[in-house]
């Protein structure tokens, strides 16, 4: 897995509100990091270190999964 490519795609999917793609990318990136894979650079070429990059990436992935659930709930309500 290329965590940087996944991160970039995740941000793009969130921006485009492509929730299916965003969910897939967030889940894959979380799984990658859970297995001790290195995190993506989340805030450019900064010197914040891997620990902070991991924390930012995990937070955004978790927020993405929460946003996906909220979007699905809105869609379900709209159909009712």
PDB file of N, CA and C in Angstrom:
ATOM      1  N   UNK A   1       0.839  -1.182   0.000  1.00  0.00           N
ATOM      2  CA  UNK A   1       0.000   0.000   0.000  1.00  0.00           C
ATOM      3  C   UNK A   1       0.879   1.239   0.000  1.00  0.00           C
ATOM      4  N   UNK A   2       0.446   2.232  -0.704  1.00  0.00           N
ATOM      5  CA  UNK A   2       1.113   3.538  -0.683  1.00  0.00           C
ATOM      6  C   UNK A   2       0.256   4.457   0.177  1.00  0.00           C
ATOM      7  N   UNK A   3       0.636   4.637   1.447  1.00  0.00           N
ATOM      8  CA  UNK A   3      -0.210   5.433   2.342  1.00  0.00           C
ATOM      9  C   UNK A   3      -0.349   6.888   1.895  1.00  0.00           C
ATOM     10  N   UNK A   4       0.664   7.422   1.232  1.00  0.00           N
ATOM     11  CA  UNK A   4       0.569   8.810   0.770  1.00  0.00           C
ATOM     12  C   UNK A   4      -0.477   8.948  -0.342  1.00  0.00           C
ATOM     13  N   UNK A   5      -0.476   8.002  -1.257  1.00  0.00           N
ATOM     14  CA  UNK A   5      -1.474   8.014  -2.327  1.00  0.00           C
ATOM     15  C   UNK A   5      -2.874   7.825  -1.741  1.00  0.00           C
ATOM     16  N   UNK A   6      -3.000   6.919  -0.772  1.00  0.00           N
ATOM     17  CA  UNK A   6      -4.297   6.693  -0.131  1.00  0.00           C
ATOM     18  C   UNK A   6      -4.773   7.955   0.585  1.00  0.00           C
ATOM     19  N   UNK A   7      -3.864   8.646   1.264  1.00  0.00           N
ATOM     20  CA  UNK A   7      -4.200   9.883   1.967  1.00  0.00           C
ATOM     21  C   UNK A   7      -4.681  10.953   0.984  1.00  0.00           C
ATOM     22  N   UNK A   8      -3.925  11.120  -0.074  1.00  0.00           N
ATOM     23  CA  UNK A   8      -4.296  12.127  -1.078  1.00  0.00           C
ATOM     24  C   UNK A   8      -5.655  11.812  -1.692  1.00  0.00           C
ATOM     25  N   UNK A   9      -5.897  10.545  -1.987  1.00  0.00           N
ATOM     26  CA  UNK A   9      -7.181  10.125  -2.552  1.00  0.00           C
ATOM     27  C   UNK A   9      -8.314  10.285  -1.539  1.00  0.00           C
ATOM     28  N   UNK A  10      -8.008  10.005  -0.270  1.00  0.00           N
ATOM     29  CA  UNK A  10      -9.006  10.166   0.789  1.00  0.00           C
ATOM     30  C   UNK A  10      -9.459  11.622   0.870  1.00  0.00           C
ATOM     31  N   UNK A  11      -8.524  12.538   0.873  1.00  0.00           N
ATOM     32  CA  UNK A  11      -8.875  13.960   0.932  1.00  0.00           C
ATOM     33  C   UNK A  11      -9.701  14.367  -0.292  1.00  0.00           C
ATOM     34  N   UNK A  12      -9.326  13.854  -1.445  1.00  0.00           N
ATOM     35  CA  UNK A  12     -10.067  14.154  -2.672  1.00  0.00           C
ATOM     36  C   UNK A  12     -11.486  13.592  -2.590  1.00  0.00           C
ATOM     37  N   UNK A  13     -11.620  12.353  -2.131  1.00  0.00           N
ATOM     38  CA  UNK A  13     -12.936  11.725  -2.019  1.00  0.00           C
ATOM     39  C   UNK A  13     -13.825  12.481  -1.033  1.00  0.00           C
ATOM     40  N   UNK A  14     -13.236  12.926   0.080  1.00  0.00           N
ATOM     41  CA  UNK A  14     -14.008  13.726   1.045  1.00  0.00           C
ATOM     42  C   UNK A  14     -14.487  15.011   0.394  1.00  0.00           C
ATOM     43  N   UNK A  15     -13.605  15.669  -0.310  1.00  0.00           N
ATOM     44  CA  UNK A  15     -13.951  16.939  -0.962  1.00  0.00           C
ATOM     45  C   UNK A  15     -15.082  16.737  -1.969  1.00  0.00           C
ATOM     46  N   UNK A  16     -15.030  15.646  -2.692  1.00  0.00           N
ATOM     47  CA  UNK A  16     -16.038  15.344  -3.710  1.00  0.00           C
ATOM     48  C   UNK A  16     -17.284  14.677  -3.130  1.00  0.00           C
ATOM     49  N   UNK A  17     -17.255  14.402  -1.838  1.00  0.00           N
ATOM     50  CA  UNK A  17     -18.342  13.705  -1.146  1.00  0.00           C
ATOM     51  C   UNK A  17     -18.626  12.337  -1.764  1.00  0.00           C
ATOM     52  N   UNK A  18     -17.558  11.691  -2.186  1.00  0.00           N
ATOM     53  CA  UNK A  18     -17.640  10.322  -2.691  1.00  0.00           C
ATOM     54  C   UNK A  18     -17.475   9.408  -1.477  1.00  0.00           C
ATOM     55  N   UNK A  19     -18.579   9.217  -0.748  1.00  0.00           N
ATOM     56  CA  UNK A  19     -18.513   8.566   0.557  1.00  0.00           C
ATOM     57  C   UNK A  19     -18.137   7.101   0.480  1.00  0.00           C
ATOM     58  N   UNK A  20     -18.521   6.411  -0.574  1.00  0.00           N
ATOM     59  CA  UNK A  20     -18.129   5.000  -0.699  1.00  0.00           C
ATOM     60  C   UNK A  20     -16.612   4.885  -0.828  1.00  0.00           C
ATOM     61  N   UNK A  21     -16.050   5.705  -1.684  1.00  0.00           N
ATOM     62  CA  UNK A  21     -14.592   5.692  -1.885  1.00  0.00           C
ATOM     63  C   UNK A  21     -13.874   6.164  -0.619  1.00  0.00           C
ATOM     64  N   UNK A  22     -14.402   7.201   0.015  1.00  0.00           N
ATOM     65  CA  UNK A  22     -13.787   7.727   1.237  1.00  0.00           C
ATOM     66  C   UNK A  22     -13.769   6.662   2.333  1.00  0.00           C
ATOM     67  N   UNK A  23     -14.883   5.925   2.470  1.00  0.00           N
ATOM     68  CA  UNK A  23     -14.943   4.865   3.492  1.00  0.00           C
ATOM     69  C   UNK A  23     -13.887   3.796   3.220  1.00  0.00           C
ATOM     70  N   UNK A  24     -13.821   3.364   1.972  1.00  0.00           N
ATOM     71  CA  UNK A  24     -12.848   2.332   1.604  1.00  0.00           C
ATOM     72  C   UNK A  24     -11.414   2.788   1.908  1.00  0.00           C
ATOM     73  N   UNK A  25     -11.092   3.995   1.514  1.00  0.00           N
ATOM     74  CA  UNK A  25      -9.738   4.516   1.740  1.00  0.00           C
ATOM     75  C   UNK A  25      -9.441   4.682   3.222  1.00  0.00           C
ATOM     76  N   UNK A  26     -10.400   5.203   3.984  1.00  0.00           N
ATOM     77  CA  UNK A  26     -10.194   5.397   5.424  1.00  0.00           C
ATOM     78  C   UNK A  26      -9.977   4.056   6.118  1.00  0.00           C
ATOM     79  N   UNK A  27     -10.801   3.073   5.788  1.00  0.00           N
ATOM     80  CA  UNK A  27     -10.648   1.747   6.393  1.00  0.00           C
ATOM     81  C   UNK A  27      -9.299   1.127   6.045  1.00  0.00           C
ATOM     82  N   UNK A  28      -8.912   1.230   4.785  1.00  0.00           N
ATOM     83  CA  UNK A  28      -7.631   0.655   4.362  1.00  0.00           C
ATOM     84  C   UNK A  28      -6.446   1.346   5.023  1.00  0.00           C
ATOM     85  N   UNK A  29      -6.514   2.661   5.118  1.00  0.00           N
ATOM     86  CA  UNK A  29      -5.407   3.391   5.734  1.00  0.00           C
ATOM     87  C   UNK A  29      -5.313   3.096   7.228  1.00  0.00           C
ATOM     88  N   UNK A  30      -6.457   3.017   7.898  1.00  0.00           N
ATOM     89  CA  UNK A  30      -6.442   2.651   9.324  1.00  0.00           C
ATOM     90  C   UNK A  30      -5.856   1.251   9.526  1.00  0.00           C
ATOM     91  N   UNK A  31      -6.253   0.316   8.675  1.00  0.00           N
ATOM     92  CA  UNK A  31      -5.736  -1.060   8.772  1.00  0.00           C
ATOM     93  C   UNK A  31      -4.226  -1.081   8.538  1.00  0.00           C
ATOM     94  N   UNK A  32      -3.768  -0.336   7.555  1.00  0.00           N
ATOM     95  CA  UNK A  32      -2.334  -0.237   7.247  1.00  0.00           C
ATOM     96  C   UNK A  32      -1.557   0.247   8.477  1.00  0.00           C
ATOM     97  N   UNK A  33      -2.033   1.318   9.085  1.00  0.00           N
ATOM     98  CA  UNK A  33      -1.323   1.875  10.241  1.00  0.00           C
ATOM     99  C   UNK A  33      -1.442   0.964  11.458  1.00  0.00           C
ATOM    100  N   UNK A  34      -2.581   0.263  11.587  1.00  0.00           N
ATOM    101  CA  UNK A  34      -2.763  -0.688  12.687  1.00  0.00           C
ATOM    102  C   UNK A  34      -1.714  -1.795  12.616  1.00  0.00           C
ATOM    103  N   UNK A  35      -1.335  -2.160  11.390  1.00  0.00           N
ATOM    104  CA  UNK A  35      -0.332  -3.206  11.190  1.00  0.00           C
ATOM    105  C   UNK A  35       1.087  -2.640  11.202  1.00  0.00           C
ATOM    106  N   UNK A  36       1.234  -1.442  11.785  1.00  0.00           N
ATOM    107  CA  UNK A  36       2.530  -0.765  11.966  1.00  0.00           C
ATOM    108  C   UNK A  36       3.111  -0.210  10.675  1.00  0.00           C
ATOM    109  N   UNK A  37       2.243  -0.019   9.671  1.00  0.00           N
ATOM    110  CA  UNK A  37       2.694   0.653   8.460  1.00  0.00           C
ATOM    111  C   UNK A  37       2.932   2.127   8.747  1.00  0.00           C
ATOM    112  N   UNK A  38       3.835   2.738   8.026  1.00  0.00           N
ATOM    113  CA  UNK A  38       4.144   4.144   8.284  1.00  0.00           C
ATOM    114  C   UNK A  38       3.001   5.038   7.823  1.00  0.00           C
ATOM    115  N   UNK A  39       2.796   6.155   8.500  1.00  0.00           N
ATOM    116  CA  UNK A  39       1.701   7.053   8.149  1.00  0.00           C
ATOM    117  C   UNK A  39       2.076   7.948   6.969  1.00  0.00           C
ATOM    118  N   UNK A  40       1.069   8.535   6.328  1.00  0.00           N
ATOM    119  CA  UNK A  40       1.349   9.501   5.263  1.00  0.00           C
ATOM    120  C   UNK A  40       1.782  10.835   5.865  1.00  0.00           C
ATOM    121  N   UNK A  41       2.383  11.673   5.049  1.00  0.00           N
ATOM    122  CA  UNK A  41       2.644  13.054   5.471  1.00  0.00           C
ATOM    123  C   UNK A  41       1.319  13.792   5.354  1.00  0.00           C
ATOM    124  N   UNK A  42       0.782  14.187   6.468  1.00  0.00           N
ATOM    125  CA  UNK A  42      -0.563  14.749   6.491  1.00  0.00           C
ATOM    126  C   UNK A  42      -0.608  16.261   6.323  1.00  0.00           C
ATOM    127  N   UNK A  43       0.439  16.923   6.693  1.00  0.00           N
ATOM    128  CA  UNK A  43       0.452  18.395   6.631  1.00  0.00           C
ATOM    129  C   UNK A  43       1.667  18.886   5.868  1.00  0.00           C
ATOM    130  N   UNK A  44       1.891  18.296   4.712  1.00  0.00           N
ATOM    131  CA  UNK A  44       3.010  18.713   3.876  1.00  0.00           C
ATOM    132  C   UNK A  44       4.335  18.172   4.372  1.00  0.00           C
ATOM    133  N   UNK A  45       5.363  18.772   3.887  1.00  0.00           N
ATOM    134  CA  UNK A  45       6.722  18.348   4.250  1.00  0.00           C
ATOM    135  C   UNK A  45       7.140  19.009   5.553  1.00  0.00           C
ATOM    136  N   UNK A  46       6.430  18.674   6.606  1.00  0.00           N
ATOM    137  CA  UNK A  46       6.714  19.287   7.903  1.00  0.00           C
ATOM    138  C   UNK A  46       7.631  18.409   8.736  1.00  0.00           C
ATOM    139  N   UNK A  47       8.043  18.937   9.832  1.00  0.00           N
ATOM    140  CA  UNK A  47       8.927  18.203  10.734  1.00  0.00           C
ATOM    141  C   UNK A  47       8.186  17.788  12.004  1.00  0.00           C
ATOM    142  N   UNK A  48       6.881  17.555  11.892  1.00  0.00           N
ATOM    143  CA  UNK A  48       6.113  17.207  13.089  1.00  0.00           C
ATOM    144  C   UNK A  48       6.371  15.779  13.549  1.00  0.00           C
ATOM    145  N   UNK A  49       6.913  14.964  12.696  1.00  0.00           N
ATOM    146  CA  UNK A  49       7.258  13.601  13.076  1.00  0.00           C
ATOM    147  C   UNK A  49       6.143  12.598  12.800  1.00  0.00           C
ATOM    148  N   UNK A  50       6.547  11.352  12.748  1.00  0.00           N
ATOM    149  CA  UNK A  50       5.613  10.269  12.401  1.00  0.00           C
ATOM    150  C   UNK A  50       4.472  10.125  13.396  1.00  0.00           C
ATOM    151  N   UNK A  51       4.758  10.343  14.669  1.00  0.00           N
ATOM    152  CA  UNK A  51       3.721  10.186  15.686  1.00  0.00           C
ATOM    153  C   UNK A  51       2.561  11.136  15.414  1.00  0.00           C
ATOM    154  N   UNK A  52       2.882  12.388  15.097  1.00  0.00           N
ATOM    155  CA  UNK A  52       1.833  13.373  14.817  1.00  0.00           C
ATOM    156  C   UNK A  52       1.155  13.098  13.480  1.00  0.00           C
ATOM    157  N   UNK A  53       1.924  12.704  12.477  1.00  0.00           N
ATOM    158  CA  UNK A  53       1.306  12.355  11.194  1.00  0.00           C
ATOM    159  C   UNK A  53       0.321  11.208  11.392  1.00  0.00           C
ATOM    160  N   UNK A  54       0.705  10.220  12.190  1.00  0.00           N
ATOM    161  CA  UNK A  54      -0.169   9.078  12.471  1.00  0.00           C
ATOM    162  C   UNK A  54      -1.434   9.557  13.193  1.00  0.00           C
ATOM    163  N   UNK A  55      -1.274  10.422  14.173  1.00  0.00           N
ATOM    164  CA  UNK A  55      -2.426  10.922  14.935  1.00  0.00           C
ATOM    165  C   UNK A  55      -3.389  11.693  14.028  1.00  0.00           C
ATOM    166  N   UNK A  56      -2.853  12.547  13.183  1.00  0.00           N
ATOM    167  CA  UNK A  56      -3.695  13.322  12.262  1.00  0.00           C
ATOM    168  C   UNK A  56      -4.405  12.384  11.287  1.00  0.00           C
ATOM    169  N   UNK A  57      -3.676  11.440  10.728  1.00  0.00           N
ATOM    170  CA  UNK A  57      -4.270  10.506   9.768  1.00  0.00           C
ATOM    171  C   UNK A  57      -5.362   9.663  10.425  1.00  0.00           C
ATOM    172  N   UNK A  58      -5.108   9.161  11.624  1.00  0.00           N
ATOM    173  CA  UNK A  58      -6.108   8.365  12.325  1.00  0.00           C
ATOM    174  C   UNK A  58      -7.352   9.198  12.621  1.00  0.00           C
ATOM    175  N   UNK A  59      -7.159  10.432  13.048  1.00  0.00           N
ATOM    176  CA  UNK A  59      -8.288  11.311  13.346  1.00  0.00           C
ATOM    177  C   UNK A  59      -9.131  11.549  12.090  1.00  0.00           C
ATOM    178  N   UNK A  60      -8.480  11.891  11.000  1.00  0.00           N
ATOM    179  CA  UNK A  60      -9.218  12.169   9.761  1.00  0.00           C
ATOM    180  C   UNK A  60      -9.921  10.906   9.264  1.00  0.00           C
ATOM    181  N   UNK A  61      -9.285   9.768   9.367  1.00  0.00           N
ATOM    182  CA  UNK A  61      -9.932   8.516   8.956  1.00  0.00           C
ATOM    183  C   UNK A  61     -11.171   8.238   9.818  1.00  0.00           C
ATOM    184  N   UNK A  62     -11.053   8.414  11.117  1.00  0.00           N
ATOM    185  CA  UNK A  62     -12.198   8.184  12.003  1.00  0.00           C
ATOM    186  C   UNK A  62     -13.313   9.190  11.742  1.00  0.00           C
ATOM    187  N   UNK A  63     -12.970  10.438  11.510  1.00  0.00           N
ATOM    188  CA  UNK A  63     -13.975  11.442  11.181  1.00  0.00           C
ATOM    189  C   UNK A  63     -14.637  11.127   9.847  1.00  0.00           C
ATOM    190  N   UNK A  64     -13.868  10.610   8.922  1.00  0.00           N
ATOM    191  CA  UNK A  64     -14.431  10.226   7.625  1.00  0.00           C
ATOM    192  C   UNK A  64     -15.465   9.123   7.805  1.00  0.00           C
ATOM    193  N   UNK A  65     -15.134   8.120   8.603  1.00  0.00           N
ATOM    194  CA  UNK A  65     -16.084   7.029   8.829  1.00  0.00           C
ATOM    195  C   UNK A  65     -17.347   7.544   9.516  1.00  0.00           C
ATOM    196  N   UNK A  66     -17.198   8.493  10.420  1.00  0.00           N
ATOM    197  CA  UNK A  66     -18.349   9.114  11.058  1.00  0.00           C
ATOM    198  C   UNK A  66     -19.174   9.909  10.051  1.00  0.00           C
ATOM    199  N   UNK A  67     -18.509  10.642   9.182  1.00  0.00           N
ATOM    200  CA  UNK A  67     -19.206  11.422   8.152  1.00  0.00           C
ATOM    201  C   UNK A  67     -19.937  10.510   7.169  1.00  0.00           C
ATOM    202  N   UNK A  68     -19.347   9.365   6.869  1.00  0.00           N
ATOM    203  CA  UNK A  68     -19.996   8.401   5.977  1.00  0.00           C
ATOM    204  C   UNK A  68     -21.304   7.918   6.606  1.00  0.00           C
ATOM    205  N   UNK A  69     -21.257   7.584   7.898  1.00  0.00           N
ATOM    206  CA  UNK A  69     -22.472   7.124   8.581  1.00  0.00           C
ATOM    207  C   UNK A  69     -23.539   8.213   8.575  1.00  0.00           C
ATOM    208  N   UNK A  70     -23.128   9.444   8.816  1.00  0.00           N
ATOM    209  CA  UNK A  70     -24.087  10.558   8.818  1.00  0.00           C
ATOM    210  C   UNK A  70     -24.698  10.749   7.436  1.00  0.00           C
ATOM    211  N   UNK A  71     -23.890  10.638   6.398  1.00  0.00           N
ATOM    212  CA  UNK A  71     -24.396  10.782   5.029  1.00  0.00           C
ATOM    213  C   UNK A  71     -25.377   9.666   4.694  1.00  0.00           C
ATOM    214  N   UNK A  72     -25.064   8.454   5.126  1.00  0.00           N
ATOM    215  CA  UNK A  72     -25.956   7.322   4.880  1.00  0.00           C
ATOM    216  C   UNK A  72     -27.280   7.516   5.618  1.00  0.00           C
ATOM    217  N   UNK A  73     -27.205   8.034   6.842  1.00  0.00           N
ATOM    218  CA  UNK A  73     -28.410   8.274   7.628  1.00  0.00           C
ATOM    219  C   UNK A  73     -29.289   9.332   6.956  1.00  0.00           C
ATOM    220  N   UNK A  74     -28.669  10.406   6.456  1.00  0.00           N
ATOM    221  CA  UNK A  74     -29.431  11.447   5.757  1.00  0.00           C
ATOM    222  C   UNK A  74     -30.100  10.877   4.513  1.00  0.00           C
ATOM    223  N   UNK A  75     -29.386  10.050   3.788  1.00  0.00           N
ATOM    224  CA  UNK A  75     -29.932   9.448   2.572  1.00  0.00           C
ATOM    225  C   UNK A  75     -31.123   8.550   2.900  1.00  0.00           C
ATOM    226  N   UNK A  76     -31.018   7.784   3.979  1.00  0.00           N
ATOM    227  CA  UNK A  76     -32.095   6.902   4.393  1.00  0.00           C
ATOM    228  C   UNK A  76     -33.324   7.716   4.779  1.00  0.00           C
ATOM    229  N   UNK A  77     -33.110   8.810   5.513  1.00  0.00           N
ATOM    230  CA  UNK A  77     -34.235   9.667   5.904  1.00  0.00           C
ATOM    231  C   UNK A  77     -34.890  10.309   4.686  1.00  0.00           C
ATOM    232  N   UNK A  78     -34.080  10.696   3.720  1.00  0.00           N
ATOM    233  CA  UNK A  78     -34.605  11.331   2.515  1.00  0.00           C
ATOM    234  C   UNK A  78     -35.512  10.393   1.730  1.00  0.00           C
ATOM    235  N   UNK A  79     -35.151   9.111   1.713  1.00  0.00           N
ATOM    236  CA  UNK A  79     -35.911   8.103   0.972  1.00  0.00           C
ATOM    237  C   UNK A  79     -37.207   7.737   1.676  1.00  0.00           C
ATOM    238  N   UNK A  80     -37.300   8.005   2.968  1.00  0.00           N
ATOM    239  CA  UNK A  80     -38.494   7.618   3.753  1.00  0.00           C
ATOM    240  C   UNK A  80     -39.620   8.595   3.568  1.00  0.00           C
TER     241      UNK A  80
END
